[in-house]
Amino acid sequence: MVICCPFLFHFNLFLSPNPIARSAPRHTQPFTRRKYACTKWLISYTEGVFKRMGPEAVEEIKNMESYRGSQFFKEPGDQLKKTQNCFSWAGAVNLVHEDEEALMRDYRRLV
């Protein structure tokens, strides 16, 4: 299993010019980014039986400075198929940090 992410989500709020957004209250204070965030999707490039997630790897991920949570969708013994779409990911790791470089360091480690 390889850990990879096709998306890097930076949480910004942009109000579009559609009717619903126009009716929303406008903030008069300038936008200030508080944190950066991304999700690393666990992608399977092969098929077979999932044996285990290495305990050392899980421990390293959980000890990352940016780690905020993870979900593993496969248990040992489950059939693992090639990831085809967002419904066949093997899991996800969520990262959040105030410092973009710290977040990117953890992000790159998961690739």
Protein backbone atom coordinates (compact mmCIF):
# COMPACT_ATOMS: atom_id res chain seq x y z
CA MET A 1 0.00 0.00 0.00
CA VAL A 2 1.30 3.43 -0.91
CA ILE A 3 0.15 6.59 0.83
CA CYS A 4 -0.66 9.37 -1.61
CA CYS A 5 -2.96 12.36 -1.94
CA PRO A 6 -4.38 13.80 -5.14
CA PHE A 7 -5.57 16.89 -3.32
CA LEU A 8 -4.06 19.39 -0.93
CA PHE A 9 -6.86 21.22 0.80
CA HIS A 10 -6.18 24.69 2.14
CA PHE A 11 -9.23 25.83 4.01
CA ASN A 12 -10.14 29.26 2.73
CA LEU A 13 -13.60 30.75 2.68
CA PHE A 14 -14.63 32.39 -0.56
CA LEU A 15 -18.14 33.66 -1.08
CA SER A 16 -19.26 33.23 -4.67
CA PRO A 17 -21.68 35.56 -6.44
CA ASN A 18 -24.58 33.07 -6.35
CA PRO A 19 -27.91 34.03 -4.68
CA ILE A 20 -27.31 31.93 -1.57
CA ALA A 21 -23.87 33.47 -0.99
CA ARG A 22 -25.22 36.98 -1.60
CA SER A 23 -27.76 36.47 1.20
CA ALA A 24 -25.08 35.30 3.65
CA PRO A 25 -23.74 37.89 6.10
CA ARG A 26 -20.45 39.44 4.97
CA HIS A 27 -17.46 39.62 7.26
CA THR A 28 -15.84 43.03 7.40
CA GLN A 29 -12.57 41.92 8.98
CA PRO A 30 -9.74 40.75 6.72
CA PHE A 31 -9.25 37.02 6.34
CA THR A 32 -6.52 35.58 8.56
CA ARG A 33 -5.32 32.04 7.98
CA ARG A 34 -5.02 30.23 11.28
CA LYS A 35 -3.95 26.77 10.10
CA TYR A 36 -3.13 24.72 7.02
CA ALA A 37 -4.73 21.32 6.48
CA CYS A 38 -4.62 18.40 4.08
CA THR A 39 -5.81 14.83 3.79
CA LYS A 40 -3.54 12.04 2.56
CA TRP A 41 -5.57 9.27 0.96
CA LEU A 42 -4.31 5.70 1.28
CA ILE A 43 -4.23 4.36 -2.27
CA SER A 44 -3.82 0.71 -3.22
CA TYR A 45 -1.97 0.07 -6.47
CA THR A 46 -2.21 -3.72 -6.18
CA GLU A 47 -4.81 -6.34 -5.32
CA GLY A 48 -4.63 -9.07 -2.72
CA VAL A 49 -5.33 -9.74 0.94
CA PHE A 50 -4.50 -6.93 3.34
CA LYS A 51 -2.06 -8.36 5.89
CA ARG A 52 -1.49 -5.51 8.30
CA MET A 53 -0.50 -1.91 8.71
CA GLY A 54 2.99 -1.94 10.17
CA PRO A 55 2.84 -0.85 13.83
CA GLU A 56 6.02 1.20 13.39
CA ALA A 57 4.46 3.09 10.46
CA VAL A 58 1.24 3.76 12.39
CA GLU A 59 3.24 4.99 15.38
CA GLU A 60 5.35 7.27 13.17
CA ILE A 61 2.22 8.73 11.55
CA LYS A 62 0.53 9.33 14.92
CA ASN A 63 3.66 11.06 16.25
CA MET A 64 3.81 13.55 13.37
CA GLU A 65 3.63 17.17 14.41
CA SER A 66 0.66 17.77 12.06
CA TYR A 67 -1.27 14.56 12.77
CA ARG A 68 -4.93 15.14 13.65
CA GLY A 69 -6.51 11.78 12.92
CA SER A 70 -6.74 8.83 10.59
CA GLN A 71 -9.21 6.31 9.29
CA PHE A 72 -8.25 2.90 8.00
CA PHE A 73 -10.99 1.28 5.93
CA LYS A 74 -9.36 -2.16 5.73
CA GLU A 75 -8.76 -4.73 8.45
CA PRO A 76 -6.23 -7.58 8.30
CA GLY A 77 -7.70 -10.34 6.13
CA ASP A 78 -9.84 -7.98 4.02
CA GLN A 79 -9.68 -8.24 0.25
CA LEU A 80 -7.73 -5.28 -1.12
CA LYS A 81 -8.53 -4.09 -4.63
CA LYS A 82 -6.84 -1.41 -6.71
CA THR A 83 -8.13 2.03 -5.80
CA GLN A 84 -10.52 3.10 -8.56
CA ASN A 85 -12.27 6.12 -7.03
CA CYS A 86 -13.13 7.80 -3.75
CA PHE A 87 -15.16 4.75 -2.66
CA SER A 88 -12.22 2.34 -2.86
CA TRP A 89 -9.54 4.17 -0.85
CA ALA A 90 -7.94 2.09 1.89
CA GLY A 91 -7.97 4.98 4.36
CA ALA A 92 -6.97 8.57 5.06
CA VAL A 93 -4.62 10.57 7.29
CA ASN A 94 -5.59 14.12 8.31
CA LEU A 95 -2.89 16.71 8.91
CA VAL A 96 -3.34 20.22 10.39
CA HIS A 97 -0.70 22.73 11.48
CA GLU A 98 -0.23 26.47 11.94
CA ASP A 99 3.07 26.37 10.04
CA GLU A 100 2.77 25.44 6.35
CA GLU A 101 6.34 24.09 6.18
CA ALA A 102 5.73 21.77 9.14
CA LEU A 103 2.57 20.49 7.46
CA MET A 104 4.36 19.99 4.14
CA ARG A 105 7.22 18.14 5.86
CA ASP A 106 4.75 15.60 7.26
CA TYR A 107 2.84 15.54 3.96
CA ARG A 108 6.03 14.70 2.02
CA ARG A 109 6.92 11.98 4.54
CA LEU A 110 3.62 10.24 3.80
CA VAL A 111 4.11 10.19 0.02
